[in-house]
């Protein structure tokens, strides 16, 4: 297979950095709000305790609901800078699955296009590209793979 055109490498890297930036900010800011404004306990009370009338045990609602704001904040920050991407992407994927499950448990016709699908689409873009294409991430810089540069004009 022929090596990839340097322009294409640059565009892939810029696209992935932009995708990481948007997804990272969405989750980082949501996590910051839930940790420092709403508080983790407030998050549980507002979004998780309404499920106590389901088969889910209250202790699990507290455990998951209290943890999610921290996962969103930390994973969002990691995604934003591209550090420990596998861990960060896995954390955000878990949050999206949990949120999807919860919404479907209460409302099987929940409008996912408003909340879950945009975040999932951004995450899938990041997951479908090879990690080494994301050259502007901390992970790739630490691994010694330099960001692509603009090819010289001939």
Foldseek 3Di string as FASTA:
>chain_A
DDDDDLVVLQVLQVVLLVLLQVLLVVLQVQLCCQPPPCNLVSQLVPPQVVCCVDPDPSVVSSVVSSCSSVLSNVLSNCSNQQHPPVSSLVSVVVVLVVVVVSCCVVPVPPPCVVPRVVSVVSSVSNVVDPSCSNQRHPVNVVVVNHRRDDDDDD
